[in-house]
Amino acid sequence: MKLTPLAQSFVLHFGEMGSRWGINRTVGQIYALLFVSQRPLNADEIAEALDFSRSNVSMGLKELDSWRLTKLQHLPSDRREYFSAPDDVWLIFRTLADERRKREVDPTLSMLRDAILVTPTCPEDAHAQARMRQMHELIELVTTWFTDIQRLDEHTLRQLMKLGSAAQKLLELKEKFSFSSAAKPSEGA
């Protein structure tokens, strides 16, 4: 299987970016190949297209499976396993966000929860604990917000994302309206 220059450019770039996102280059390239492929690929085809060893491809596919980023299927009269990336980019985004939360955010929140329950034994610990409490509150707030965002349907999520900085203007209007409503004396008073 030979990659077109366009596909090769994407695969190479995704491999380089993968290392910045916390996955190795091989896994990034395998995922990029599956993402742009018109059909599911077996491990031998992936190894050939990327010039990787079969064992590297197997390990990469296991990593992608652990992230829930591949779909496995079998074809009639073929004993090999075929892999593809999910078709829906919004599903991919939600899956990645969910997996990153499980792997990175949840353990940090758990550690911070434990740390803020400890009784400080010295002023340094009291200061450190106060800072950890602030971090816990921020991460908890962001996590709750992101969980709410992930529950939105695709159409609503697109609309929200397109709002961009206009959302700030809506909040300013809300504040202005809330302030002016609170300043008005109630009728009959």
N, C-alpha and C. Protein backbone atom coordinates (compact mmCIF):
# COMPACT_ATOMS: atom_id res chain seq x y z
N MET A 1 0.86 -1.18 0.00
CA MET A 1 0.00 0.00 0.00
C MET A 1 0.90 1.23 0.00
N LYS A 2 0.70 2.08 -0.97
CA LYS A 2 1.49 3.30 -1.09
C LYS A 2 0.62 4.51 -0.75
N LEU A 3 1.16 5.38 0.10
CA LEU A 3 0.42 6.58 0.49
C LEU A 3 0.58 7.67 -0.56
N THR A 4 -0.47 8.44 -0.75
CA THR A 4 -0.37 9.61 -1.62
C THR A 4 0.44 10.67 -0.88
N PRO A 5 1.01 11.64 -1.58
CA PRO A 5 1.77 12.69 -0.89
C PRO A 5 0.92 13.43 0.17
N LEU A 6 -0.34 13.66 -0.12
CA LEU A 6 -1.22 14.34 0.83
C LEU A 6 -1.39 13.51 2.10
N ALA A 7 -1.71 12.23 1.93
CA ALA A 7 -1.89 11.35 3.08
C ALA A 7 -0.58 11.19 3.84
N GLN A 8 0.52 11.06 3.13
CA GLN A 8 1.82 10.90 3.79
C GLN A 8 2.17 12.14 4.63
N SER A 9 1.87 13.30 4.10
CA SER A 9 2.13 14.54 4.83
C SER A 9 1.33 14.57 6.13
N PHE A 10 0.06 14.18 6.06
CA PHE A 10 -0.80 14.15 7.24
C PHE A 10 -0.29 13.14 8.26
N VAL A 11 0.04 11.95 7.79
CA VAL A 11 0.51 10.88 8.67
C VAL A 11 1.79 11.29 9.38
N LEU A 12 2.74 11.86 8.64
CA LEU A 12 4.01 12.29 9.24
C LEU A 12 3.79 13.40 10.27
N HIS A 13 2.95 14.37 9.90
CA HIS A 13 2.67 15.47 10.83
C HIS A 13 1.99 14.96 12.10
N PHE A 14 1.03 14.07 11.93
CA PHE A 14 0.30 13.54 13.08
C PHE A 14 1.23 12.76 14.00
N GLY A 15 2.20 12.07 13.43
CA GLY A 15 3.19 11.36 14.24
C GLY A 15 4.01 12.32 15.08
N GLU A 16 4.43 13.42 14.46
CA GLU A 16 5.20 14.42 15.21
C GLU A 16 4.34 15.09 16.28
N MET A 17 3.11 15.41 15.96
CA MET A 17 2.23 16.03 16.94
C MET A 17 1.88 15.05 18.06
N GLY A 18 1.76 13.78 17.72
CA GLY A 18 1.44 12.77 18.73
C GLY A 18 2.42 12.79 19.88
N SER A 19 3.70 12.97 19.56
CA SER A 19 4.69 12.99 20.64
C SER A 19 4.49 14.20 21.54
N ARG A 20 3.94 15.26 21.02
CA ARG A 20 3.64 16.44 21.84
C ARG A 20 2.36 16.25 22.64
N TRP A 21 1.51 15.36 22.20
CA TRP A 21 0.24 15.10 22.89
C TRP A 21 0.35 13.95 23.89
N GLY A 22 1.54 13.37 24.02
CA GLY A 22 1.73 12.31 25.00
C GLY A 22 1.59 10.90 24.47
N ILE A 23 1.56 10.74 23.15
CA ILE A 23 1.60 9.39 22.57
C ILE A 23 2.85 9.31 21.70
N ASN A 24 3.31 8.11 21.43
CA ASN A 24 4.53 8.04 20.63
C ASN A 24 4.24 8.25 19.15
N ARG A 25 5.28 8.53 18.43
CA ARG A 25 5.18 8.85 16.99
C ARG A 25 4.51 7.72 16.21
N THR A 26 4.89 6.49 16.53
CA THR A 26 4.33 5.34 15.81
C THR A 26 2.82 5.26 15.97
N VAL A 27 2.35 5.41 17.19
CA VAL A 27 0.91 5.34 17.46
C VAL A 27 0.19 6.48 16.72
N GLY A 28 0.78 7.67 16.75
CA GLY A 28 0.19 8.81 16.04
C GLY A 28 0.08 8.56 14.55
N GLN A 29 1.12 7.97 13.97
CA GLN A 29 1.09 7.70 12.53
C GLN A 29 0.10 6.61 12.18
N ILE A 30 0.03 5.58 13.00
CA ILE A 30 -0.95 4.52 12.74
C ILE A 30 -2.36 5.09 12.78
N TYR A 31 -2.63 5.92 13.80
CA TYR A 31 -3.98 6.49 13.89
C TYR A 31 -4.29 7.38 12.68
N ALA A 32 -3.32 8.20 12.30
CA ALA A 32 -3.54 9.09 11.15
C ALA A 32 -3.82 8.28 9.89
N LEU A 33 -3.08 7.18 9.70
CA LEU A 33 -3.31 6.33 8.53
C LEU A 33 -4.73 5.76 8.55
N LEU A 34 -5.14 5.24 9.70
CA LEU A 34 -6.50 4.69 9.81
C LEU A 34 -7.55 5.77 9.57
N PHE A 35 -7.28 6.96 10.06
CA PHE A 35 -8.23 8.07 9.94
C PHE A 35 -8.46 8.45 8.48
N VAL A 36 -7.40 8.49 7.67
CA VAL A 36 -7.56 8.94 6.28
C VAL A 36 -7.82 7.80 5.31
N SER A 37 -7.71 6.57 5.78
CA SER A 37 -7.91 5.43 4.89
C SER A 37 -9.38 5.30 4.49
N GLN A 38 -9.59 4.94 3.24
CA GLN A 38 -10.95 4.76 2.72
C GLN A 38 -11.60 3.48 3.20
N ARG A 39 -10.77 2.56 3.67
CA ARG A 39 -11.30 1.25 4.09
C ARG A 39 -10.52 0.77 5.30
N PRO A 40 -11.07 -0.18 6.03
CA PRO A 40 -10.32 -0.76 7.16
C PRO A 40 -9.04 -1.44 6.66
N LEU A 41 -8.01 -1.40 7.48
CA LEU A 41 -6.71 -1.98 7.12
C LEU A 41 -6.32 -3.06 8.11
N ASN A 42 -5.61 -4.08 7.62
CA ASN A 42 -5.08 -5.08 8.55
C ASN A 42 -3.67 -4.66 8.96
N ALA A 43 -3.14 -5.33 9.95
CA ALA A 43 -1.84 -4.95 10.51
C ALA A 43 -0.72 -5.02 9.48
N ASP A 44 -0.77 -6.01 8.59
CA ASP A 44 0.27 -6.11 7.56
C ASP A 44 0.23 -4.91 6.61
N GLU A 45 -0.97 -4.48 6.24
CA GLU A 45 -1.09 -3.31 5.36
C GLU A 45 -0.58 -2.05 6.05
N ILE A 46 -0.87 -1.93 7.33
CA ILE A 46 -0.40 -0.77 8.09
C ILE A 46 1.13 -0.78 8.16
N ALA A 47 1.70 -1.94 8.47
CA ALA A 47 3.16 -2.07 8.55
C ALA A 47 3.81 -1.72 7.21
N GLU A 48 3.23 -2.19 6.13
CA GLU A 48 3.78 -1.91 4.80
C GLU A 48 3.68 -0.43 4.46
N ALA A 49 2.52 0.17 4.70
CA ALA A 49 2.30 1.57 4.35
C ALA A 49 3.22 2.51 5.13
N LEU A 50 3.49 2.17 6.39
CA LEU A 50 4.28 3.06 7.24
C LEU A 50 5.73 2.61 7.38
N ASP A 51 6.07 1.45 6.80
CA ASP A 51 7.40 0.88 6.90
C ASP A 51 7.78 0.66 8.37
N PHE A 52 6.83 0.10 9.13
CA PHE A 52 7.04 -0.24 10.52
C PHE A 52 7.12 -1.76 10.63
N SER A 53 7.72 -2.22 11.71
CA SER A 53 7.72 -3.66 11.96
C SER A 53 6.30 -4.08 12.37
N ARG A 54 6.01 -5.33 12.14
CA ARG A 54 4.68 -5.86 12.50
C ARG A 54 4.46 -5.77 14.00
N SER A 55 5.52 -5.97 14.80
CA SER A 55 5.37 -5.89 16.26
C SER A 55 5.07 -4.46 16.71
N ASN A 56 5.70 -3.47 16.07
CA ASN A 56 5.39 -2.07 16.40
C ASN A 56 3.95 -1.73 16.07
N VAL A 57 3.47 -2.26 14.95
CA VAL A 57 2.08 -2.02 14.56
C VAL A 57 1.15 -2.67 15.58
N SER A 58 1.45 -3.89 15.98
CA SER A 58 0.60 -4.58 16.97
C SER A 58 0.54 -3.81 18.28
N MET A 59 1.69 -3.34 18.75
CA MET A 59 1.71 -2.57 20.00
C MET A 59 0.95 -1.25 19.83
N GLY A 60 1.11 -0.60 18.68
CA GLY A 60 0.40 0.65 18.42
C GLY A 60 -1.10 0.46 18.38
N LEU A 61 -1.53 -0.62 17.75
CA LEU A 61 -2.97 -0.91 17.67
C LEU A 61 -3.54 -1.21 19.06
N LYS A 62 -2.76 -1.89 19.89
CA LYS A 62 -3.23 -2.16 21.27
C LYS A 62 -3.37 -0.85 22.04
N GLU A 63 -2.42 0.06 21.84
CA GLU A 63 -2.51 1.37 22.50
C GLU A 63 -3.74 2.13 22.03
N LEU A 64 -3.98 2.14 20.73
CA LEU A 64 -5.15 2.83 20.20
C LEU A 64 -6.45 2.19 20.69
N ASP A 65 -6.44 0.87 20.81
CA ASP A 65 -7.61 0.17 21.33
C ASP A 65 -7.86 0.57 22.78
N SER A 66 -6.79 0.72 23.56
CA SER A 66 -6.96 1.11 24.97
C SER A 66 -7.54 2.52 25.09
N TRP A 67 -7.33 3.33 24.06
CA TRP A 67 -7.91 4.68 24.03
C TRP A 67 -9.31 4.68 23.40
N ARG A 68 -9.76 3.52 22.96
CA ARG A 68 -11.07 3.36 22.29
C ARG A 68 -11.12 4.18 20.99
N LEU A 69 -10.01 4.19 20.25
CA LEU A 69 -9.92 5.00 19.03
C LEU A 69 -9.89 4.16 17.76
N THR A 70 -10.05 2.86 17.89
CA THR A 70 -10.11 2.02 16.69
C THR A 70 -11.36 1.16 16.72
N LYS A 71 -11.79 0.81 15.54
CA LYS A 71 -12.88 -0.15 15.39
C LYS A 71 -12.28 -1.40 14.76
N LEU A 72 -12.58 -2.53 15.33
CA LEU A 72 -12.08 -3.81 14.85
C LEU A 72 -13.20 -4.50 14.09
N GLN A 73 -12.85 -5.10 12.96
CA GLN A 73 -13.85 -5.87 12.23
C GLN A 73 -13.18 -7.01 11.49
N HIS A 74 -13.97 -7.98 11.13
CA HIS A 74 -13.51 -9.11 10.34
C HIS A 74 -14.24 -9.10 9.02
N LEU A 75 -13.55 -9.53 7.99
CA LEU A 75 -14.15 -9.59 6.66
C LEU A 75 -14.46 -11.06 6.34
N PRO A 76 -15.49 -11.29 5.56
CA PRO A 76 -15.84 -12.67 5.20
C PRO A 76 -14.65 -13.37 4.52
N SER A 77 -14.45 -14.60 4.84
CA SER A 77 -13.40 -15.44 4.26
C SER A 77 -11.99 -14.92 4.51
N ASP A 78 -11.82 -14.12 5.56
CA ASP A 78 -10.49 -13.59 5.89
C ASP A 78 -10.32 -13.68 7.40
N ARG A 79 -9.30 -14.35 7.84
CA ARG A 79 -9.09 -14.55 9.28
C ARG A 79 -8.42 -13.37 9.95
N ARG A 80 -7.91 -12.44 9.15
CA ARG A 80 -7.19 -11.30 9.72
C ARG A 80 -8.17 -10.29 10.33
N GLU A 81 -7.63 -9.50 11.25
CA GLU A 81 -8.41 -8.43 11.86
C GLU A 81 -8.15 -7.15 11.08
N TYR A 82 -9.21 -6.39 10.88
CA TYR A 82 -9.10 -5.12 10.16
C TYR A 82 -9.47 -3.99 11.11
N PHE A 83 -8.78 -2.88 10.96
CA PHE A 83 -8.94 -1.75 11.87
C PHE A 83 -9.30 -0.50 11.10
N SER A 84 -10.10 0.32 11.74
CA SER A 84 -10.45 1.63 11.18
C SER A 84 -10.63 2.61 12.34
N ALA A 85 -10.63 3.87 11.99
CA ALA A 85 -10.91 4.92 12.97
C ALA A 85 -12.41 5.21 12.90
N PRO A 86 -13.00 5.64 14.01
CA PRO A 86 -14.42 6.03 13.94
C PRO A 86 -14.63 7.11 12.87
N ASP A 87 -15.77 7.08 12.24
CA ASP A 87 -16.07 8.04 11.17
C ASP A 87 -16.41 9.42 11.71
N ASP A 88 -17.03 9.47 12.86
CA ASP A 88 -17.54 10.72 13.42
C ASP A 88 -16.45 11.46 14.20
N VAL A 89 -16.00 12.62 13.69
CA VAL A 89 -14.94 13.37 14.36
C VAL A 89 -15.38 13.87 15.74
N TRP A 90 -16.67 14.12 15.92
CA TRP A 90 -17.17 14.55 17.22
C TRP A 90 -17.08 13.42 18.23
N LEU A 91 -17.34 12.19 17.78
CA LEU A 91 -17.19 11.02 18.65
C LEU A 91 -15.71 10.85 19.03
N ILE A 92 -14.83 11.05 18.08
CA ILE A 92 -13.39 10.96 18.35
C ILE A 92 -13.01 12.00 19.41
N PHE A 93 -13.47 13.22 19.23
CA PHE A 93 -13.18 14.29 20.18
C PHE A 93 -13.67 13.93 21.58
N ARG A 94 -14.91 13.45 21.66
CA ARG A 94 -15.48 13.10 22.96
C ARG A 94 -14.72 11.93 23.60
N THR A 95 -14.35 10.95 22.79
CA THR A 95 -13.61 9.80 23.30
C THR A 95 -12.25 10.22 23.83
N LEU A 96 -11.54 11.04 23.05
CA LEU A 96 -10.23 11.53 23.50
C LEU A 96 -10.34 12.32 24.80
N ALA A 97 -11.34 13.19 24.85
CA ALA A 97 -11.52 14.01 26.06
C ALA A 97 -11.83 13.12 27.26
N ASP A 98 -12.67 12.14 27.07
CA ASP A 98 -13.04 11.23 28.15
C ASP A 98 -11.83 10.41 28.62
N GLU A 99 -11.07 9.90 27.69
CA GLU A 99 -9.90 9.10 28.05
C GLU A 99 -8.83 9.95 28.73
N ARG A 100 -8.62 11.17 28.26
CA ARG A 100 -7.62 12.05 28.90
C ARG A 100 -8.07 12.39 30.32
N ARG A 101 -9.38 12.62 30.49
CA ARG A 101 -9.89 12.91 31.84
C ARG A 101 -9.62 11.72 32.75
N LYS A 102 -9.93 10.51 32.30
CA LYS A 102 -9.73 9.31 33.12
C LYS A 102 -8.26 9.11 33.47
N ARG A 103 -7.37 9.37 32.51
CA ARG A 103 -5.95 9.06 32.69
C ARG A 103 -5.18 10.17 33.39
N GLU A 104 -5.61 11.43 33.22
CA GLU A 104 -4.82 12.55 33.71
C GLU A 104 -5.52 13.37 34.78
N VAL A 105 -6.77 13.70 34.56
CA VAL A 105 -7.47 14.60 35.47
C VAL A 105 -7.98 13.87 36.70
N ASP A 106 -8.64 12.75 36.52
CA ASP A 106 -9.21 12.03 37.66
C ASP A 106 -8.17 11.64 38.72
N PRO A 107 -7.01 11.10 38.32
CA PRO A 107 -6.00 10.80 39.36
C PRO A 107 -5.51 12.05 40.09
N THR A 108 -5.40 13.15 39.37
CA THR A 108 -4.97 14.40 40.01
C THR A 108 -6.03 14.89 40.99
N LEU A 109 -7.29 14.85 40.59
CA LEU A 109 -8.37 15.25 41.51
C LEU A 109 -8.40 14.36 42.74
N SER A 110 -8.20 13.08 42.54
CA SER A 110 -8.20 12.15 43.67
C SER A 110 -7.06 12.47 44.64
N MET A 111 -5.87 12.73 44.10
CA MET A 111 -4.74 13.08 44.95
C MET A 111 -5.00 14.38 45.70
N LEU A 112 -5.54 15.37 45.00
CA LEU A 112 -5.83 16.65 45.64
C LEU A 112 -6.90 16.52 46.72
N ARG A 113 -7.93 15.71 46.47
CA ARG A 113 -8.97 15.48 47.48
C ARG A 113 -8.35 14.90 48.74
N ASP A 114 -7.51 13.90 48.56
CA ASP A 114 -6.84 13.29 49.71
C ASP A 114 -5.97 14.31 50.44
N ALA A 115 -5.24 15.12 49.68
CA ALA A 115 -4.31 16.08 50.29
C ALA A 115 -5.04 17.16 51.09
N ILE A 116 -6.21 17.60 50.62
CA ILE A 116 -6.90 18.67 51.35
C ILE A 116 -7.67 18.15 52.57
N LEU A 117 -7.75 16.83 52.71
CA LEU A 117 -8.38 16.25 53.90
C LEU A 117 -7.39 16.05 55.04
N VAL A 118 -6.11 16.13 54.73
CA VAL A 118 -5.07 15.94 55.74
C VAL A 118 -5.00 17.18 56.63
N THR A 119 -4.83 16.97 57.93
CA THR A 119 -4.66 18.08 58.85
C THR A 119 -3.22 18.58 58.76
N PRO A 120 -3.04 19.87 58.39
CA PRO A 120 -1.67 20.39 58.27
C PRO A 120 -0.97 20.39 59.62
N THR A 121 0.33 20.07 59.60
CA THR A 121 1.10 20.00 60.85
C THR A 121 2.05 21.17 61.01
N CYS A 122 2.15 22.01 59.98
CA CYS A 122 3.04 23.17 60.07
C CYS A 122 2.52 24.25 59.11
N PRO A 123 2.98 25.48 59.28
CA PRO A 123 2.52 26.57 58.41
C PRO A 123 2.80 26.31 56.93
N GLU A 124 3.90 25.65 56.62
CA GLU A 124 4.22 25.35 55.22
C GLU A 124 3.18 24.42 54.61
N ASP A 125 2.78 23.41 55.38
CA ASP A 125 1.75 22.48 54.91
C ASP A 125 0.40 23.19 54.77
N ALA A 126 0.09 24.08 55.69
CA ALA A 126 -1.17 24.83 55.60
C ALA A 126 -1.19 25.67 54.33
N HIS A 127 -0.07 26.31 54.02
CA HIS A 127 0.02 27.10 52.79
C HIS A 127 -0.11 26.20 51.56
N ALA A 128 0.65 25.10 51.55
CA ALA A 128 0.60 24.17 50.42
C ALA A 128 -0.82 23.63 50.23
N GLN A 129 -1.47 23.30 51.34
CA GLN A 129 -2.83 22.76 51.26
C GLN A 129 -3.81 23.79 50.73
N ALA A 130 -3.65 25.05 51.12
CA ALA A 130 -4.52 26.12 50.60
C ALA A 130 -4.36 26.24 49.10
N ARG A 131 -3.12 26.15 48.62
CA ARG A 131 -2.86 26.23 47.18
C ARG A 131 -3.46 25.02 46.46
N MET A 132 -3.33 23.83 47.09
CA MET A 132 -3.91 22.62 46.50
C MET A 132 -5.42 22.71 46.45
N ARG A 133 -6.03 23.32 47.46
CA ARG A 133 -7.48 23.50 47.48
C ARG A 133 -7.91 24.37 46.29
N GLN A 134 -7.16 25.44 46.03
CA GLN A 134 -7.46 26.31 44.88
C GLN A 134 -7.37 25.53 43.58
N MET A 135 -6.30 24.73 43.46
CA MET A 135 -6.13 23.93 42.25
C MET A 135 -7.27 22.92 42.11
N HIS A 136 -7.64 22.28 43.22
CA HIS A 136 -8.75 21.32 43.19
C HIS A 136 -10.04 21.98 42.73
N GLU A 137 -10.34 23.16 43.29
CA GLU A 137 -11.56 23.87 42.91
C GLU A 137 -11.56 24.22 41.42
N LEU A 138 -10.42 24.67 40.91
CA LEU A 138 -10.34 25.01 39.49
C LEU A 138 -10.53 23.78 38.61
N ILE A 139 -9.80 22.71 38.91
CA ILE A 139 -9.90 21.51 38.08
C ILE A 139 -11.31 20.92 38.16
N GLU A 140 -11.90 20.94 39.35
CA GLU A 140 -13.27 20.43 39.52
C GLU A 140 -14.26 21.26 38.69
N LEU A 141 -14.11 22.57 38.71
CA LEU A 141 -14.97 23.46 37.94
C LEU A 141 -14.83 23.20 36.44
N VAL A 142 -13.60 23.11 35.98
CA VAL A 142 -13.35 22.86 34.55
C VAL A 142 -13.88 21.49 34.16
N THR A 143 -13.66 20.49 34.99
CA THR A 143 -14.13 19.14 34.70
C THR A 143 -15.65 19.09 34.62
N THR A 144 -16.31 19.72 35.57
CA THR A 144 -17.77 19.75 35.56
C THR A 144 -18.28 20.46 34.31
N TRP A 145 -17.67 21.60 33.97
CA TRP A 145 -18.06 22.34 32.78
C TRP A 145 -17.86 21.49 31.54
N PHE A 146 -16.70 20.84 31.44
CA PHE A 146 -16.42 20.05 30.25
C PHE A 146 -17.35 18.85 30.14
N THR A 147 -17.69 18.24 31.27
CA THR A 147 -18.64 17.13 31.26
C THR A 147 -19.99 17.60 30.73
N ASP A 148 -20.43 18.78 31.18
CA ASP A 148 -21.68 19.35 30.69
C ASP A 148 -21.60 19.60 29.18
N ILE A 149 -20.47 20.12 28.73
CA ILE A 149 -20.28 20.40 27.30
C ILE A 149 -20.33 19.10 26.49
N GLN A 150 -19.71 18.05 27.01
CA GLN A 150 -19.69 16.78 26.28
C GLN A 150 -21.08 16.17 26.12
N ARG A 151 -21.99 16.53 27.00
CA ARG A 151 -23.34 15.97 26.92
C ARG A 151 -24.21 16.66 25.87
N LEU A 152 -23.75 17.80 25.38
CA LEU A 152 -24.52 18.52 24.37
C LEU A 152 -24.54 17.75 23.06
N ASP A 153 -25.64 17.88 22.34
CA ASP A 153 -25.67 17.26 21.02
C ASP A 153 -24.76 18.05 20.08
N GLU A 154 -24.39 17.44 18.98
CA GLU A 154 -23.41 18.04 18.07
C GLU A 154 -23.84 19.42 17.57
N HIS A 155 -25.10 19.56 17.22
CA HIS A 155 -25.58 20.85 16.70
C HIS A 155 -25.42 21.96 17.74
N THR A 156 -25.84 21.69 18.96
CA THR A 156 -25.73 22.69 20.03
C THR A 156 -24.26 22.98 20.34
N LEU A 157 -23.44 21.95 20.36
CA LEU A 157 -22.01 22.13 20.62
C LEU A 157 -21.36 22.98 19.54
N ARG A 158 -21.73 22.76 18.30
CA ARG A 158 -21.20 23.59 17.20
C ARG A 158 -21.60 25.05 17.40
N GLN A 159 -22.86 25.27 17.73
CA GLN A 159 -23.34 26.65 17.95
C GLN A 159 -22.57 27.31 19.09
N LEU A 160 -22.39 26.58 20.18
CA LEU A 160 -21.66 27.13 21.32
C LEU A 160 -20.22 27.47 20.94
N MET A 161 -19.58 26.60 20.20
CA MET A 161 -18.19 26.85 19.81
C MET A 161 -18.09 28.04 18.85
N LYS A 162 -19.07 28.21 18.01
CA LYS A 162 -19.06 29.33 17.07
C LYS A 162 -19.30 30.66 17.77
N LEU A 163 -19.92 30.61 18.94
CA LEU A 163 -20.14 31.84 19.70
C LEU A 163 -18.83 32.53 20.05
N GLY A 164 -17.85 31.72 20.44
CA GLY A 164 -16.54 32.27 20.78
C GLY A 164 -16.65 33.39 21.80
N SER A 165 -16.04 34.54 21.49
CA SER A 165 -16.02 35.66 22.44
C SER A 165 -17.39 36.32 22.56
N ALA A 166 -18.32 36.01 21.65
CA ALA A 166 -19.67 36.55 21.78
C ALA A 166 -20.34 36.04 23.06
N ALA A 167 -19.90 34.88 23.56
CA ALA A 167 -20.43 34.36 24.81
C ALA A 167 -20.14 35.33 25.96
N GLN A 168 -18.98 35.97 25.92
CA GLN A 168 -18.63 36.95 26.95
C GLN A 168 -19.60 38.12 26.91
N LYS A 169 -19.97 38.55 25.72
CA LYS A 169 -20.91 39.66 25.59
C LYS A 169 -22.27 39.28 26.16
N LEU A 170 -22.67 38.02 25.94
CA LEU A 170 -23.94 37.55 26.51
C LEU A 170 -23.89 37.58 28.04
N LEU A 171 -22.76 37.18 28.59
CA LEU A 171 -22.62 37.21 30.05
C LEU A 171 -22.63 38.64 30.58
N GLU A 172 -22.00 39.55 29.84
CA GLU A 172 -22.01 40.96 30.25
C GLU A 172 -23.42 41.53 30.23
N LEU A 173 -24.19 41.16 29.19
CA LEU A 173 -25.59 41.59 29.12
C LEU A 173 -26.39 41.02 30.28
N LYS A 174 -26.14 39.75 30.60
CA LYS A 174 -26.83 39.12 31.72
C LYS A 174 -26.52 39.86 33.01
N GLU A 175 -25.24 40.17 33.23
CA GLU A 175 -24.84 40.90 34.43
C GLU A 175 -25.52 42.27 34.48
N LYS A 176 -25.53 42.95 33.35
CA LYS A 176 -26.14 44.28 33.28
C LYS A 176 -27.64 44.19 33.58
N PHE A 177 -28.28 43.17 32.98
CA PHE A 177 -29.71 42.99 33.19
C PHE A 177 -29.99 42.62 34.65
N SER A 178 -29.19 41.72 35.20
CA SER A 178 -29.37 41.30 36.60
C SER A 178 -29.17 42.47 37.54
N PHE A 179 -28.17 43.30 37.27
CA PHE A 179 -27.90 44.45 38.12
C PHE A 179 -29.05 45.46 38.04
N SER A 180 -29.53 45.75 36.82
CA SER A 180 -30.61 46.74 36.68
C SER A 180 -31.91 46.21 37.26
N SER A 181 -32.15 44.91 37.17
CA SER A 181 -33.36 44.33 37.76
C SER A 181 -33.30 44.37 39.27
N ALA A 182 -32.12 44.14 39.83
CA ALA A 182 -31.97 44.16 41.28
C ALA A 182 -32.06 45.58 41.83
N ALA A 183 -31.71 46.58 41.02
CA ALA A 183 -31.72 47.96 41.47
C ALA A 183 -33.12 48.57 41.48
N LYS A 184 -34.03 47.99 40.67
CA LYS A 184 -35.39 48.49 40.60
C LYS A 184 -36.16 48.12 41.86
N PRO A 185 -36.89 49.07 42.44
CA PRO A 185 -37.74 48.71 43.57
C PRO A 185 -38.89 47.83 43.08
N SER A 186 -39.27 46.88 43.87
CA SER A 186 -40.36 46.00 43.45
C SER A 186 -41.68 46.74 43.51
N GLU A 187 -42.58 46.34 42.63
CA GLU A 187 -43.89 46.99 42.58
C GLU A 187 -44.66 46.72 43.87
N GLY A 188 -45.39 47.72 44.30
CA GLY A 188 -46.22 47.57 45.48
C GLY A 188 -45.44 47.77 46.78
N ALA A 189 -44.16 48.13 46.67
CA ALA A 189 -43.36 48.30 47.90
C ALA A 189 -43.47 49.72 48.40
